[in-house]
C-alpha atoms as a PDB file:
ATOM      1  CA  MET A   1      -2.531  21.290  -2.585  1.00  0.00           C
ATOM      2  CA  VAL A   2      -1.553  17.837  -4.100  1.00  0.00           C
ATOM      3  CA  LYS A   3      -3.138  17.021  -7.072  1.00  0.00           C
ATOM      4  CA  GLY A   4      -3.877  13.819  -8.551  1.00  0.00           C
ATOM      5  CA  LYS A   5      -3.523  10.352  -7.275  1.00  0.00           C
ATOM      6  CA  GLN A   6      -1.259   9.481  -4.838  1.00  0.00           C
ATOM      7  CA  TYR A   7       0.709   6.187  -4.064  1.00  0.00           C
ATOM      8  CA  TRP A   8       1.642   4.658  -0.916  1.00  0.00           C
ATOM      9  CA  LEU A   9       2.829   1.646   0.967  1.00  0.00           C
ATOM     10  CA  LEU A  10       1.176   0.257   4.177  1.00  0.00           C
ATOM     11  CA  LYS A  11       2.860  -2.590   6.056  1.00  0.00           C
ATOM     12  CA  THR A  12       1.130  -5.029   8.362  1.00  0.00           C
ATOM     13  CA  GLU A  13       2.442  -8.488   9.923  1.00  0.00           C
ATOM     14  CA  ALA A  14       0.646 -11.173   8.267  1.00  0.00           C
ATOM     15  CA  GLY A  15      -0.114 -12.771  11.856  1.00  0.00           C
ATOM     16  CA  GLU A  16      -2.050  -9.414  12.891  1.00  0.00           C
ATOM     17  CA  TRP A  17      -3.723  -8.809   9.703  1.00  0.00           C
ATOM     18  CA  SER A  18      -3.054 -10.618   6.051  1.00  0.00           C
ATOM     19  CA  TRP A  19      -3.923 -10.419   2.795  1.00  0.00           C
ATOM     20  CA  GLU A  20      -6.280 -13.078   3.130  1.00  0.00           C
ATOM     21  CA  ASP A  21      -7.928 -10.998   6.438  1.00  0.00           C
ATOM     22  CA  GLN A  22      -8.652  -8.231   4.464  1.00  0.00           C
ATOM     23  CA  ALA A  23     -10.609 -10.660   1.411  1.00  0.00           C
ATOM     24  CA  ALA A  24     -12.271 -12.161   3.750  1.00  0.00           C
ATOM     25  CA  ASN A  25     -13.598  -9.183   5.147  1.00  0.00           C
ATOM     26  CA  GLY A  26     -15.371  -8.072   2.367  1.00  0.00           C
ATOM     27  CA  GLY A  27     -12.290  -6.197   1.235  1.00  0.00           C
ATOM     28  CA  GLU A  28     -13.079  -3.186   3.349  1.00  0.00           C
ATOM     29  CA  THR A  29     -11.624  -2.291   6.664  1.00  0.00           C
ATOM     30  CA  LYS A  30     -10.168   0.570   8.618  1.00  0.00           C
ATOM     31  CA  TRP A  31      -6.187   0.923   8.647  1.00  0.00           C
ATOM     32  CA  ASP A  32      -5.547   1.777  12.422  1.00  0.00           C
ATOM     33  CA  GLY A  33      -2.855   0.498  14.759  1.00  0.00           C
ATOM     34  CA  VAL A  34      -0.762   3.108  13.538  1.00  0.00           C
ATOM     35  CA  LYS A  35       1.423   4.734  16.493  1.00  0.00           C
ATOM     36  CA  ASN A  36       4.371   6.830  14.519  1.00  0.00           C
ATOM     37  CA  LYS A  37       3.788  10.476  14.072  1.00  0.00           C
ATOM     38  CA  GLN A  38       5.386  10.290  11.038  1.00  0.00           C
ATOM     39  CA  ALA A  39       3.250   7.437   9.642  1.00  0.00           C
ATOM     40  CA  GLN A  40      -0.040   9.263  11.203  1.00  0.00           C
ATOM     41  CA  LYS A  41       1.011  12.191   9.301  1.00  0.00           C
ATOM     42  CA  TYR A  42       1.175  10.162   5.789  1.00  0.00           C
ATOM     43  CA  LEU A  43      -2.173   8.977   6.426  1.00  0.00           C
ATOM     44  CA  LYS A  44      -3.561  12.327   7.342  1.00  0.00           C
ATOM     45  CA  SER A  45      -2.426  13.327   3.661  1.00  0.00           C
ATOM     46  CA  MET A  46      -4.213  10.495   1.974  1.00  0.00           C
ATOM     47  CA  LYS A  47      -7.128  11.022  -0.477  1.00  0.00           C
ATOM     48  CA  LEU A  48     -10.082   9.020  -1.817  1.00  0.00           C
ATOM     49  CA  GLY A  49      -8.775   7.186  -4.739  1.00  0.00           C
ATOM     50  CA  ASP A  50      -5.217   6.890  -3.476  1.00  0.00           C
ATOM     51  CA  LEU A  51      -3.606   3.743  -4.091  1.00  0.00           C
ATOM     52  CA  CYS A  52      -1.358   1.600  -1.392  1.00  0.00           C
ATOM     53  CA  PHE A  53       0.725  -1.680  -1.889  1.00  0.00           C
ATOM     54  CA  PHE A  54      -0.440  -3.935   1.050  1.00  0.00           C
ATOM     55  CA  TYR A  55       2.668  -5.048   2.308  1.00  0.00           C
ATOM     56  CA  HIS A  56       3.407  -7.948   4.551  1.00  0.00           C
ATOM     57  CA  SER A  57       6.212  -7.459   6.792  1.00  0.00           C
ATOM     58  CA  GLY A  58       7.632  -9.600   9.213  1.00  0.00           C
ATOM     59  CA  ALA A  59      10.704 -12.359   9.688  1.00  0.00           C
ATOM     60  CA  SER A  60       8.741 -15.073   7.435  1.00  0.00           C
ATOM     61  CA  ALA A  61       7.275 -12.652   4.629  1.00  0.00           C
ATOM     62  CA  ARG A  62       8.461  -9.553   3.322  1.00  0.00           C
ATOM     63  CA  ARG A  63       6.552  -8.712   0.214  1.00  0.00           C
ATOM     64  CA  VAL A  64       4.071  -6.485  -1.594  1.00  0.00           C
ATOM     65  CA  VAL A  65       1.012  -8.894  -1.664  1.00  0.00           C
ATOM     66  CA  GLY A  66      -1.856  -7.002  -3.129  1.00  0.00           C
ATOM     67  CA  VAL A  67      -3.473  -3.162  -3.681  1.00  0.00           C
ATOM     68  CA  VAL A  68      -6.050  -1.287  -1.632  1.00  0.00           C
ATOM     69  CA  SER A  69      -7.682   1.944  -2.015  1.00  0.00           C
ATOM     70  CA  VAL A  70      -8.321   4.822   0.297  1.00  0.00           C
ATOM     71  CA  VAL A  71     -12.018   4.775   0.551  1.00  0.00           C
ATOM     72  CA  LYS A  72     -12.420   7.084   3.850  1.00  0.00           C
ATOM     73  CA  GLU A  73     -10.233   9.794   4.062  1.00  0.00           C
ATOM     74  CA  TRP A  74      -8.804  10.147   7.807  1.00  0.00           C
ATOM     75  CA  TYR A  75     -10.393  10.453  10.803  1.00  0.00           C
ATOM     76  CA  SER A  76     -10.093   9.843  14.742  1.00  0.00           C
ATOM     77  CA  GLU A  77     -10.802   6.949  16.689  1.00  0.00           C
ATOM     78  CA  GLY A  78     -11.692   8.496  20.116  1.00  0.00           C
ATOM     79  CA  SER A  79     -11.942  12.064  21.554  1.00  0.00           C
ATOM     80  CA  ASP A  80      -8.807  13.263  23.238  1.00  0.00           C
ATOM     81  CA  LYS A  81      -5.697  14.487  21.260  1.00  0.00           C
ATOM     82  CA  ASN A  82      -4.302  11.594  21.579  1.00  0.00           C
ATOM     83  CA  SER A  83      -6.692   9.782  19.352  1.00  0.00           C
ATOM     84  CA  GLU A  84      -5.711   6.767  17.222  1.00  0.00           C
ATOM     85  CA  VAL A  85      -5.733   8.423  13.151  1.00  0.00           C
ATOM     86  CA  VAL A  86      -7.190   5.816  11.055  1.00  0.00           C
ATOM     87  CA  VAL A  87      -8.305   5.610   7.286  1.00  0.00           C
ATOM     88  CA  ASP A  88     -10.646   2.869   5.388  1.00  0.00           C
ATOM     89  CA  VAL A  89      -9.105   1.146   2.665  1.00  0.00           C
ATOM     90  CA  LYS A  90     -10.689  -1.682   0.341  1.00  0.00           C
ATOM     91  CA  ALA A  91      -8.917  -4.481  -1.670  1.00  0.00           C
ATOM     92  CA  VAL A  92      -8.585  -3.513  -5.129  1.00  0.00           C
ATOM     93  CA  GLY A  93      -6.467  -6.782  -6.143  1.00  0.00           C
ATOM     94  CA  GLU A  94      -3.884  -9.361  -5.587  1.00  0.00           C
ATOM     95  CA  MET A  95      -0.576  -8.879  -7.267  1.00  0.00           C
ATOM     96  CA  ARG A  96      -0.099 -11.363  -9.787  1.00  0.00           C
ATOM     97  CA  ARG A  97       3.137 -12.088  -8.816  1.00  0.00           C
ATOM     98  CA  GLN A  98       4.315 -11.035  -4.855  1.00  0.00           C
ATOM     99  CA  VAL A  99       7.549  -8.819  -4.970  1.00  0.00           C
ATOM    100  CA  ASP A 100       9.660  -9.533  -2.433  1.00  0.00           C
ATOM    101  CA  LEU A 101      11.999  -7.213  -0.274  1.00  0.00           C
ATOM    102  CA  LYS A 102      14.912  -8.839  -1.437  1.00  0.00           C
ATOM    103  CA  ASP A 103      13.869  -8.321  -5.487  1.00  0.00           C
ATOM    104  CA  MET A 104      13.111  -4.879  -4.607  1.00  0.00           C
ATOM    105  CA  LYS A 105      16.505  -4.169  -3.136  1.00  0.00           C
ATOM    106  CA  GLN A 106      18.315  -5.723  -5.967  1.00  0.00           C
ATOM    107  CA  ASP A 107      16.394  -3.798  -8.670  1.00  0.00           C
ATOM    108  CA  GLY A 108      18.413  -0.331  -9.686  1.00  0.00           C
ATOM    109  CA  GLY A 109      15.168   1.335 -10.525  1.00  0.00           C
ATOM    110  CA  LEU A 110      14.114   1.335  -6.802  1.00  0.00           C
ATOM    111  CA  LYS A 111      17.563   3.053  -5.568  1.00  0.00           C
ATOM    112  CA  GLY A 112      17.024   5.076  -2.819  1.00  0.00           C
ATOM    113  CA  PHE A 113      13.051   4.265  -1.959  1.00  0.00           C
ATOM    114  CA  VAL A 114      12.102   5.398   1.444  1.00  0.00           C
ATOM    115  CA  MET A 115      11.488   1.868   2.855  1.00  0.00           C
ATOM    116  CA  PHE A 116      15.227   1.250   2.200  1.00  0.00           C
ATOM    117  CA  ARG A 117      16.096   4.209   4.247  1.00  0.00           C
ATOM    118  CA  GLN A 118      12.980   4.231   7.082  1.00  0.00           C
ATOM    119  CA  PRO A 119      12.398   0.071   7.376  1.00  0.00           C
ATOM    120  CA  ARG A 120      10.485   0.307  10.300  1.00  0.00           C
ATOM    121  CA  LEU A 121       7.797   3.134   8.956  1.00  0.00           C
ATOM    122  CA  SER A 122       4.495   1.480   8.440  1.00  0.00           C
ATOM    123  CA  VAL A 123       3.171   4.222   6.316  1.00  0.00           C
ATOM    124  CA  MET A 124       5.168   5.692   3.319  1.00  0.00           C
ATOM    125  CA  PRO A 125       4.387   7.708   0.178  1.00  0.00           C
ATOM    126  CA  MET A 126       5.773   6.483  -2.711  1.00  0.00           C
ATOM    127  CA  PRO A 127       6.371   8.307  -5.910  1.00  0.00           C
ATOM    128  CA  GLU A 128       4.553   7.330  -9.061  1.00  0.00           C
ATOM    129  CA  GLU A 129       7.934   5.702 -10.889  1.00  0.00           C
ATOM    130  CA  VAL A 130       8.546   3.883  -7.853  1.00  0.00           C
ATOM    131  CA  TRP A 131       5.056   2.271  -7.743  1.00  0.00           C
ATOM    132  CA  LYS A 132       5.013   1.659 -11.457  1.00  0.00           C
ATOM    133  CA  ARG A 133       8.229  -0.302 -11.323  1.00  0.00           C
ATOM    134  CA  ILE A 134       7.201  -2.467  -8.257  1.00  0.00           C
ATOM    135  CA  CYS A 135       3.940  -2.751 -10.513  1.00  0.00           C
ATOM    136  CA  GLU A 136       6.168  -4.052 -13.278  1.00  0.00           C
ATOM    137  CA  LEU A 137       8.147  -6.627 -10.745  1.00  0.00           C
ATOM    138  CA  GLY A 138       4.879  -7.849  -9.686  1.00  0.00           C
ATOM    139  CA  ASN A 139       3.217  -7.887 -13.382  1.00  0.00           C
ATOM    140  CA  GLY A 140       0.731  -5.945 -12.121  1.00  0.00           C
ATOM    141  CA  PHE A 141      -2.392  -6.425  -9.905  1.00  0.00           C
ATOM    142  CA  GLU A 142      -5.709  -7.872 -10.353  1.00  0.00           C
ATOM    143  CA  GLY A 143      -7.838  -5.515 -11.211  1.00  0.00           C
ATOM    144  CA  ASP A 144      -5.603  -3.046 -13.090  1.00  0.00           C
ATOM    145  CA  GLY A 145      -6.741  -3.335 -16.405  1.00  0.00           C
ATOM    146  CA  ILE A 146      -4.027  -5.096 -17.962  1.00  0.00           C
ATOM    147  CA  GLY A 147      -3.042  -8.511 -18.417  1.00  0.00           C
ATOM    148  CA  LYS A 148      -5.120 -11.420 -17.861  1.00  0.00           C
ATOM    149  CA  ASP A 149      -7.823  -8.816 -16.765  1.00  0.00           C
ATOM    150  CA  GLY A 150      -7.834  -7.915 -20.653  1.00  0.00           C
ATOM    151  CA  GLY A 151      -6.979  -4.177 -21.809  1.00  0.00           C
ATOM    152  CA  ASP A 152      -4.571  -2.177 -23.036  1.00  0.00           C
ATOM    153  CA  GLU A 153      -0.759  -2.875 -22.385  1.00  0.00           C
ATOM    154  CA  GLU A 154      -0.015   0.956 -22.415  1.00  0.00           C
ATOM    155  CA  GLU A 155      -2.898   1.663 -19.796  1.00  0.00           C
ATOM    156  CA  GLU A 156      -1.072   2.638 -16.691  1.00  0.00           C
ATOM    157  CA  LEU A 157      -0.459   0.320 -13.821  1.00  0.00           C
ATOM    158  CA  GLY A 158      -2.888   2.721 -11.277  1.00  0.00           C
END
């Protein structure tokens, strides 16, 4: 059994569902459209309060742009065995500085990150140390309790 908060990365094409769309939608939406079985398995592993990087994929923008939290654990859309697996997420805050894929690949602290080995996977888990390093690269995110928001510099990013 998994204990404590888990961290994830959720990819979306900016033209399909952008951070701006997420924010304009009251910050909350269902995360759907995941077809890959491994990615669906990861959606099923998410728990309330888990944090996810909101990642824009595609040719023009490959970067972490914000953070969402899981507000409803997985459920099926439909009634048959091939029904879509979805979770509901809510915007927590925008990254203070967006973190580009090229910056992540050049950072020694992120060597071996699963996204570099399985770049087409749209949902993936993140070890806490990778989460923290990406937060550092992005100067944290709005609502994390540090930086411009005030708070203690020793407080965790997530």
